[in-house]
N, C-alpha and C. Protein backbone atom coordinates (compact mmCIF):
# COMPACT_ATOMS: atom_id res chain seq x y z
N MET A 1 -65.04 -23.23 -27.18
CA MET A 1 -65.81 -22.79 -28.27
C MET A 1 -67.07 -22.37 -27.82
N ALA A 2 -67.65 -23.09 -26.89
CA ALA A 2 -68.88 -22.74 -26.50
C ALA A 2 -68.94 -21.49 -25.71
N ASP A 3 -67.91 -21.20 -24.80
CA ASP A 3 -67.87 -20.03 -24.18
C ASP A 3 -67.71 -18.86 -25.13
N GLN A 4 -66.92 -19.05 -26.16
CA GLN A 4 -66.90 -17.89 -27.29
C GLN A 4 -68.06 -17.53 -27.78
N ALA A 5 -68.93 -18.75 -28.34
CA ALA A 5 -70.26 -18.55 -28.66
C ALA A 5 -71.26 -17.77 -27.78
N ALA A 6 -71.27 -18.07 -26.57
CA ALA A 6 -72.13 -17.50 -25.69
C ALA A 6 -71.58 -16.01 -25.37
N GLU A 7 -70.33 -15.76 -25.55
CA GLU A 7 -69.71 -14.43 -25.28
C GLU A 7 -70.12 -13.52 -26.56
N ILE A 8 -70.17 -14.18 -27.77
CA ILE A 8 -70.66 -13.33 -28.97
C ILE A 8 -71.97 -13.02 -28.89
N GLU A 9 -72.82 -14.09 -28.31
CA GLU A 9 -74.22 -13.94 -28.31
C GLU A 9 -74.64 -12.67 -27.29
N ALA A 10 -73.89 -12.72 -26.02
CA ALA A 10 -74.08 -11.74 -25.04
C ALA A 10 -73.83 -10.31 -25.60
N THR A 11 -72.62 -10.24 -26.47
CA THR A 11 -72.32 -8.96 -26.99
C THR A 11 -73.27 -8.60 -27.98
N VAL A 12 -73.65 -9.44 -28.96
CA VAL A 12 -74.70 -8.96 -29.86
C VAL A 12 -75.89 -8.42 -29.21
N ILE A 13 -76.39 -9.04 -28.20
CA ILE A 13 -77.57 -8.65 -27.50
C ILE A 13 -77.45 -7.32 -26.79
N LYS A 14 -76.35 -7.18 -26.00
CA LYS A 14 -75.91 -5.96 -25.43
C LYS A 14 -76.04 -4.74 -26.39
N VAL A 15 -75.21 -4.99 -27.65
CA VAL A 15 -75.28 -3.82 -28.53
C VAL A 15 -76.59 -3.62 -29.00
N ILE A 16 -77.45 -4.60 -29.32
CA ILE A 16 -78.77 -4.40 -29.79
C ILE A 16 -79.50 -3.50 -28.54
N GLU A 17 -79.42 -3.87 -27.48
CA GLU A 17 -80.10 -3.22 -26.41
C GLU A 17 -79.63 -1.77 -26.28
N GLU A 18 -78.40 -1.51 -26.49
CA GLU A 18 -77.85 -0.12 -26.44
C GLU A 18 -78.25 0.76 -27.68
N ASN A 19 -78.39 0.01 -28.71
CA ASN A 19 -78.67 0.83 -29.98
C ASN A 19 -80.27 0.95 -30.13
N LEU A 20 -81.00 -0.05 -29.83
CA LEU A 20 -82.49 -0.02 -30.19
C LEU A 20 -83.48 0.21 -29.00
N SER A 21 -82.74 0.08 -27.82
CA SER A 21 -83.81 0.38 -26.56
C SER A 21 -85.02 -0.61 -26.79
N PRO A 22 -85.01 -1.80 -27.19
CA PRO A 22 -86.07 -2.73 -27.30
C PRO A 22 -87.14 -2.61 -26.20
N LYS A 23 -88.39 -2.91 -26.60
CA LYS A 23 -89.45 -3.04 -25.59
C LYS A 23 -89.66 -4.61 -25.17
N VAL A 24 -88.91 -5.37 -25.91
CA VAL A 24 -89.14 -6.80 -25.67
C VAL A 24 -87.97 -7.42 -25.35
N LYS A 25 -87.81 -8.52 -24.58
CA LYS A 25 -86.69 -9.30 -24.24
C LYS A 25 -85.93 -9.66 -25.41
N VAL A 26 -84.76 -9.45 -25.71
CA VAL A 26 -83.97 -9.84 -26.82
C VAL A 26 -83.25 -11.19 -26.65
N THR A 27 -83.63 -12.27 -27.66
CA THR A 27 -83.11 -13.43 -27.54
C THR A 27 -82.68 -13.74 -28.95
N THR A 28 -82.15 -14.93 -29.13
CA THR A 28 -81.79 -15.31 -30.47
C THR A 28 -82.87 -15.49 -31.56
N SER A 29 -83.97 -15.80 -31.01
CA SER A 29 -85.13 -15.74 -32.12
C SER A 29 -85.88 -14.36 -32.28
N THR A 30 -85.39 -13.40 -31.69
CA THR A 30 -85.98 -11.96 -31.78
C THR A 30 -85.69 -11.52 -33.26
N ARG A 31 -86.94 -11.20 -33.92
CA ARG A 31 -86.72 -10.63 -35.34
C ARG A 31 -86.45 -9.12 -35.30
N PHE A 32 -85.62 -8.62 -36.03
CA PHE A 32 -85.36 -7.26 -36.05
C PHE A 32 -86.47 -6.42 -36.41
N LYS A 33 -87.01 -6.75 -37.70
CA LYS A 33 -88.12 -5.90 -38.19
C LYS A 33 -89.48 -6.01 -37.39
N GLU A 34 -89.87 -7.36 -37.15
CA GLU A 34 -91.18 -7.51 -36.69
C GLU A 34 -91.23 -7.38 -35.07
N ASP A 35 -90.12 -7.68 -34.33
CA ASP A 35 -90.17 -7.72 -32.98
C ASP A 35 -89.52 -6.34 -32.35
N LEU A 36 -88.53 -6.04 -33.16
CA LEU A 36 -87.83 -4.91 -32.50
C LEU A 36 -88.21 -3.59 -33.33
N LYS A 37 -88.96 -3.77 -34.38
CA LYS A 37 -89.47 -2.66 -35.21
C LYS A 37 -88.29 -1.69 -35.83
N ALA A 38 -87.23 -2.50 -35.97
CA ALA A 38 -85.85 -1.84 -36.56
C ALA A 38 -85.91 -1.73 -38.03
N ASP A 39 -85.66 -0.53 -38.50
CA ASP A 39 -85.64 -0.38 -39.88
C ASP A 39 -84.27 -0.76 -40.37
N GLU A 40 -83.99 -0.78 -41.77
CA GLU A 40 -82.73 -1.27 -42.23
C GLU A 40 -81.54 -0.33 -41.80
N LEU A 41 -81.67 0.89 -41.57
CA LEU A 41 -80.58 1.72 -41.04
C LEU A 41 -80.22 1.46 -39.69
N GLU A 42 -81.18 1.15 -38.97
CA GLU A 42 -80.95 0.84 -37.51
C GLU A 42 -80.36 -0.58 -37.42
N VAL A 43 -80.59 -1.52 -38.25
CA VAL A 43 -79.89 -2.82 -38.29
C VAL A 43 -78.51 -2.66 -38.71
N TYR A 44 -78.22 -1.77 -39.76
CA TYR A 44 -76.93 -1.64 -40.11
C TYR A 44 -76.02 -0.90 -39.11
N GLU A 45 -76.78 -0.07 -38.31
CA GLU A 45 -76.03 0.68 -37.13
C GLU A 45 -75.54 -0.33 -36.24
N VAL A 46 -76.35 -1.29 -35.91
CA VAL A 46 -76.07 -2.53 -34.89
C VAL A 46 -74.89 -3.22 -35.57
N ILE A 47 -75.00 -3.76 -36.82
CA ILE A 47 -73.89 -4.46 -37.44
C ILE A 47 -72.61 -3.59 -37.36
N TYR A 48 -72.62 -2.19 -37.71
CA TYR A 48 -71.36 -1.53 -37.63
C TYR A 48 -70.84 -1.45 -36.33
N ASN A 49 -71.61 -1.15 -35.41
CA ASN A 49 -71.16 -1.11 -33.94
C ASN A 49 -70.66 -2.50 -33.44
N LEU A 50 -71.16 -3.60 -33.88
CA LEU A 50 -70.65 -5.07 -33.68
C LEU A 50 -69.17 -5.21 -34.33
N GLU A 51 -69.23 -4.67 -35.61
CA GLU A 51 -67.80 -4.85 -36.28
C GLU A 51 -66.81 -4.08 -35.49
N GLN A 52 -67.09 -2.91 -35.17
CA GLN A 52 -66.09 -2.07 -34.43
C GLN A 52 -65.62 -2.79 -33.09
N LYS A 53 -66.76 -3.18 -32.22
CA LYS A 53 -66.33 -3.73 -31.03
C LYS A 53 -65.85 -5.17 -31.17
N LEU A 54 -65.96 -6.08 -32.15
CA LEU A 54 -65.60 -7.44 -32.14
C LEU A 54 -64.31 -7.38 -33.20
N ASN A 55 -64.08 -6.29 -33.84
CA ASN A 55 -62.87 -6.18 -34.83
C ASN A 55 -63.04 -7.18 -35.91
N THR A 56 -64.22 -7.03 -36.60
CA THR A 56 -64.47 -7.88 -37.64
C THR A 56 -65.18 -7.09 -38.79
N THR A 57 -65.40 -7.87 -39.96
CA THR A 57 -66.15 -7.03 -41.00
C THR A 57 -67.16 -8.10 -41.52
N ILE A 58 -68.40 -7.50 -41.77
CA ILE A 58 -69.36 -8.37 -42.32
C ILE A 58 -69.88 -7.91 -43.62
N PRO A 59 -69.73 -8.53 -44.80
CA PRO A 59 -70.11 -8.00 -45.95
C PRO A 59 -71.58 -7.65 -46.06
N GLU A 60 -71.89 -6.46 -46.86
CA GLU A 60 -73.26 -6.23 -46.86
C GLU A 60 -74.27 -7.18 -47.67
N SER A 61 -73.71 -7.89 -48.43
CA SER A 61 -74.46 -9.09 -48.95
C SER A 61 -74.86 -9.97 -47.91
N GLU A 62 -74.12 -10.27 -47.04
CA GLU A 62 -74.48 -11.11 -45.82
C GLU A 62 -75.34 -10.58 -44.91
N ALA A 63 -74.92 -9.23 -44.72
CA ALA A 63 -75.77 -8.53 -43.75
C ALA A 63 -77.21 -8.33 -44.08
N ASN A 64 -77.43 -8.27 -45.54
CA ASN A 64 -78.88 -8.19 -45.92
C ASN A 64 -79.69 -9.39 -45.69
N GLU A 65 -79.01 -10.45 -45.29
CA GLU A 65 -79.83 -11.83 -45.14
C GLU A 65 -80.18 -12.00 -43.56
N VAL A 66 -79.73 -10.99 -42.75
CA VAL A 66 -80.01 -11.16 -41.45
C VAL A 66 -81.37 -10.69 -41.17
N GLU A 67 -82.18 -11.70 -40.32
CA GLU A 67 -83.49 -11.44 -40.06
C GLU A 67 -83.72 -11.47 -38.55
N THR A 68 -83.04 -12.43 -37.88
CA THR A 68 -83.10 -12.57 -36.38
C THR A 68 -81.74 -12.30 -35.71
N VAL A 69 -81.87 -12.19 -34.48
CA VAL A 69 -80.67 -11.79 -33.69
C VAL A 69 -79.68 -13.33 -33.91
N GLY A 70 -80.31 -14.39 -33.94
CA GLY A 70 -79.50 -15.59 -33.96
C GLY A 70 -78.88 -15.63 -35.35
N ASP A 71 -79.56 -15.10 -36.38
CA ASP A 71 -78.89 -15.15 -37.75
C ASP A 71 -77.56 -14.12 -37.62
N LEU A 72 -77.59 -13.02 -36.87
CA LEU A 72 -76.54 -12.28 -36.76
C LEU A 72 -75.39 -12.78 -35.97
N VAL A 73 -75.93 -13.48 -34.76
CA VAL A 73 -74.80 -14.34 -34.02
C VAL A 73 -74.13 -15.26 -34.82
N LYS A 74 -74.78 -16.09 -35.49
CA LYS A 74 -74.11 -17.13 -36.61
C LYS A 74 -73.36 -16.46 -37.49
N LEU A 75 -73.73 -15.54 -38.10
CA LEU A 75 -72.95 -14.64 -39.14
C LEU A 75 -71.55 -14.17 -38.56
N ILE A 76 -71.50 -13.63 -37.21
CA ILE A 76 -70.41 -13.24 -36.74
C ILE A 76 -69.39 -14.44 -36.33
N GLN A 77 -70.04 -15.48 -35.79
CA GLN A 77 -69.39 -16.78 -35.47
C GLN A 77 -68.51 -17.27 -36.73
N SER A 78 -69.17 -17.18 -38.01
CA SER A 78 -68.70 -17.69 -39.25
C SER A 78 -67.54 -16.80 -39.73
N ARG A 79 -67.33 -15.59 -39.23
CA ARG A 79 -66.18 -14.84 -39.75
C ARG A 79 -64.84 -15.40 -39.43
N PRO A 80 -63.98 -15.06 -40.24
CA PRO A 80 -62.53 -15.77 -39.90
C PRO A 80 -62.11 -15.12 -38.66
N GLY A 81 -61.33 -15.88 -37.85
CA GLY A 81 -60.61 -15.48 -36.63
C GLY A 81 -61.84 -15.59 -35.43
N ARG A 82 -62.93 -16.36 -35.57
CA ARG A 82 -63.77 -16.44 -34.65
C ARG A 82 -63.68 -17.86 -34.23
């Protein structure tokens, strides 16, 4: 299970780096708005790309609660089949 968690975290960080080209090191404590300067649309693009890559769905109501990379990792880990 720990391997799967690490794999999800690595995938999330990779997709963020590919989509947002951040100027800071991305960790689980990185905040989307404050640290990555990502607007709502950019965050949704990251989430959409992760849904496609990981074959999962994230309800919009839950996606709205995501503030940090760690929040997104935990949200994906909580999805059925993870």
